[in-house]
Amino acid sequence: MHITGTKFNYYQVCKRKLWLFANGINMEHTSDLVYDGKLIHESTYPQRSERYEEIEIEGIKIDFYDARNKVIHEIKRSNKVEKAHEWQVKYYMYVLERNGIEEVTAILEYPTMRHTAEVIFTDADRDYIRKTEKEIIKLIQSEECPPTINAKICKSCSYYEFCYVNEE
């Protein structure tokens, strides 16, 4: 089973969201925020697709990879869940390393905020990723959907109505 960057990201934010997504319940197509993020991704750096490569390997998909300088560029709509974004990119770095591409660096880019953040990858991150991969697989294969987390972030989640339909 391949773990995608999205799944690794969702694991950091909400186990329920990960379980639902991994088990074929997709709500992103109904979300204005997701659509807005796609527009930002497609329109912010139009010249990138000419200069950088798109890489798909072991289930991950890196949209902008500067192969010459070994830099991943990950574009995000906002930094509300920046830690999850960092872990998603670290997971990309880990998978590339596992496939013989070493010393990769990464930059998170938030164009609407005019903010960038360099992502540092450490030995402790590798250990965490190895452990987390096992936890993600176990969670995805579980018969039970994890409970709602009742967090502030839930209100802007594409799964909000699904999770809280009987709550209001």
Protein backbone atom coordinates (compact mmCIF):
# COMPACT_ATOMS: atom_id res chain seq x y z
CA MET A 1 0.00 0.00 0.00
CA HIS A 2 1.37 3.38 -1.03
CA ILE A 3 0.95 6.33 1.27
CA THR A 4 0.43 9.60 -0.57
CA GLY A 5 1.57 13.02 0.58
CA THR A 6 -2.08 13.94 1.08
CA LYS A 7 -2.59 10.97 3.39
CA PHE A 8 0.51 11.89 5.37
CA ASN A 9 -0.79 15.46 5.63
CA TYR A 10 -4.27 14.34 6.73
CA TYR A 11 -2.77 12.08 9.40
CA GLN A 12 -1.21 15.17 10.99
CA VAL A 13 -4.48 17.13 10.90
CA CYS A 14 -7.26 14.60 11.58
CA LYS A 15 -7.24 10.80 11.69
CA ARG A 16 -10.95 10.74 10.77
CA LYS A 17 -10.32 12.81 7.63
CA LEU A 18 -7.52 10.42 6.66
CA TRP A 19 -9.68 7.35 7.22
CA LEU A 20 -12.60 8.77 5.23
CA PHE A 21 -10.36 9.90 2.36
CA ALA A 22 -8.43 6.62 2.22
CA ASN A 23 -11.66 4.63 2.26
CA GLY A 24 -13.10 6.41 -0.77
CA ILE A 25 -15.25 9.08 0.87
CA ASN A 26 -14.03 12.19 -0.92
CA MET A 27 -15.51 15.57 -0.12
CA GLU A 28 -12.84 17.82 -1.63
CA HIS A 29 -14.84 18.27 -4.84
CA THR A 30 -17.52 20.14 -2.85
CA SER A 31 -15.13 22.51 -1.09
CA ASP A 32 -14.63 26.11 -2.22
CA LEU A 33 -11.40 26.25 -0.21
CA VAL A 34 -9.99 23.23 -2.06
CA TYR A 35 -11.01 24.77 -5.39
CA ASP A 36 -9.42 28.07 -4.37
CA GLY A 37 -6.21 26.22 -3.47
CA LYS A 38 -6.14 24.54 -6.90
CA LEU A 39 -6.55 27.89 -8.63
CA ILE A 40 -3.69 29.37 -6.61
CA HIS A 41 -1.55 26.35 -7.43
CA GLU A 42 -2.26 26.55 -11.15
CA SER A 43 -2.04 30.30 -11.62
CA THR A 44 0.62 31.59 -9.23
CA TYR A 45 3.76 30.32 -10.96
CA PRO A 46 2.79 29.54 -14.58
CA GLN A 47 6.43 29.40 -15.73
CA ARG A 48 7.27 26.60 -13.30
CA SER A 49 5.84 23.79 -15.39
CA GLU A 50 8.39 24.67 -18.07
CA ARG A 51 11.39 24.79 -15.72
CA TYR A 52 10.60 22.13 -13.13
CA GLU A 53 9.59 18.51 -13.29
CA GLU A 54 6.56 16.74 -11.93
CA ILE A 55 7.56 13.55 -10.15
CA GLU A 56 5.37 10.57 -9.30
CA ILE A 57 7.01 7.83 -7.27
CA GLU A 58 5.68 5.34 -4.71
CA GLY A 59 2.29 7.00 -4.61
CA ILE A 60 3.52 10.54 -4.04
CA LYS A 61 3.16 13.30 -6.60
CA ILE A 62 5.47 16.30 -6.42
CA ASP A 63 4.21 19.04 -8.67
CA PHE A 64 7.32 21.21 -8.80
CA TYR A 65 10.74 19.61 -8.41
CA ASP A 66 13.89 21.44 -9.41
CA ALA A 67 16.02 18.40 -10.33
CA ARG A 68 19.18 20.40 -10.94
CA ASN A 69 19.18 21.95 -7.47
CA LYS A 70 17.23 19.13 -5.77
CA VAL A 71 14.52 21.44 -4.42
CA ILE A 72 10.87 20.59 -3.87
CA HIS A 73 8.51 23.59 -4.19
CA GLU A 74 5.17 22.98 -2.49
CA ILE A 75 2.45 25.61 -2.92
CA LYS A 76 -0.26 25.94 -0.30
CA ARG A 77 -3.26 28.24 0.07
CA SER A 78 -2.69 29.24 3.70
CA ASN A 79 -0.45 28.34 6.60
CA LYS A 80 -3.27 27.35 8.98
CA VAL A 81 -1.93 23.80 9.16
CA GLU A 82 1.70 24.57 8.38
CA LYS A 83 3.00 21.67 10.49
CA ALA A 84 0.96 19.24 8.38
CA HIS A 85 2.34 20.88 5.23
CA GLU A 86 5.88 20.47 6.59
CA TRP A 87 5.29 16.79 7.29
CA GLN A 88 3.85 16.26 3.83
CA VAL A 89 6.98 17.75 2.27
CA LYS A 90 9.27 15.85 4.65
CA TYR A 91 7.49 12.70 3.53
CA TYR A 92 8.27 13.61 -0.08
CA MET A 93 11.92 14.09 0.90
CA TYR A 94 11.91 10.72 2.66
CA VAL A 95 10.45 8.89 -0.34
CA LEU A 96 12.95 10.50 -2.71
CA GLU A 97 15.79 9.55 -0.38
CA ARG A 98 14.48 5.99 -0.16
CA ASN A 99 14.71 5.92 -3.95
CA GLY A 100 18.30 7.14 -4.12
CA ILE A 101 17.73 10.90 -4.47
CA GLU A 102 19.58 12.35 -1.49
CA GLU A 103 20.21 15.83 -0.09
CA VAL A 104 16.88 17.17 -1.29
CA THR A 105 15.70 20.46 0.18
CA ALA A 106 12.20 21.90 0.17
CA ILE A 107 10.38 25.20 0.28
CA LEU A 108 6.78 25.70 1.33
CA GLU A 109 5.24 28.61 -0.51
CA TYR A 110 2.15 30.56 0.52
CA PRO A 111 1.71 32.98 -2.40
CA THR A 112 -1.42 34.74 -1.12
CA MET A 113 0.44 35.53 2.10
CA ARG A 114 3.73 36.27 0.32
CA HIS A 115 5.44 33.89 2.70
CA THR A 116 7.89 31.03 2.19
CA ALA A 117 9.35 28.55 4.66
CA GLU A 118 12.36 26.31 4.23
CA VAL A 119 11.78 22.75 5.37
CA ILE A 120 14.59 21.03 7.26
CA PHE A 121 14.80 17.22 7.23
CA THR A 122 16.53 15.42 10.12
CA ASP A 123 17.28 11.89 11.33
CA ALA A 124 14.53 12.30 13.94
CA ASP A 125 12.11 13.10 11.07
CA ARG A 126 13.11 9.85 9.32
CA ASP A 127 12.37 7.88 12.49
CA TYR A 128 9.02 9.62 12.93
CA ILE A 129 8.08 8.94 9.30
CA ARG A 130 8.93 5.22 9.56
CA LYS A 131 6.76 4.92 12.67
CA THR A 132 3.96 7.03 11.18
CA GLU A 133 3.82 5.02 7.95
CA LYS A 134 2.96 1.93 10.01
CA GLU A 135 0.34 3.85 12.00
CA ILE A 136 -1.25 5.24 8.82
CA ILE A 137 -1.53 1.77 7.26
CA LYS A 138 -3.05 0.38 10.47
CA LEU A 139 -5.52 3.28 10.66
CA ILE A 140 -6.56 3.02 7.01
CA GLN A 141 -7.13 -0.74 7.28
CA SER A 142 -9.19 -0.39 10.46
CA GLU A 143 -12.87 -1.25 10.18
CA GLU A 144 -13.80 1.68 12.45
CA CYS A 145 -13.82 5.30 11.47
CA PRO A 146 -12.04 7.45 14.08
CA PRO A 147 -14.18 9.91 16.07
CA THR A 148 -14.54 13.60 15.27
CA ILE A 149 -11.90 15.82 16.85
CA ASN A 150 -14.08 18.90 17.50
CA ALA A 151 -11.25 21.29 16.68
CA LYS A 152 -11.32 24.86 15.42
CA ILE A 153 -9.97 23.67 12.05
CA CYS A 154 -13.06 21.46 11.53
CA LYS A 155 -15.23 24.40 10.43
CA SER A 156 -13.10 24.95 7.31
CA CYS A 157 -12.72 21.25 6.47
CA SER A 158 -14.35 19.80 3.36
CA TYR A 159 -15.68 16.97 5.56
CA TYR A 160 -17.34 19.29 8.09
CA GLU A 161 -20.93 18.63 7.05
CA PHE A 162 -20.27 14.90 6.81
CA CYS A 163 -18.79 14.76 10.32
CA TYR A 164 -21.21 17.12 12.06
CA VAL A 165 -24.48 16.61 10.17
CA ASN A 166 -26.42 15.71 13.35
CA GLU A 167 -24.61 18.11 15.69
CA GLU A 168 -26.46 21.37 15.06
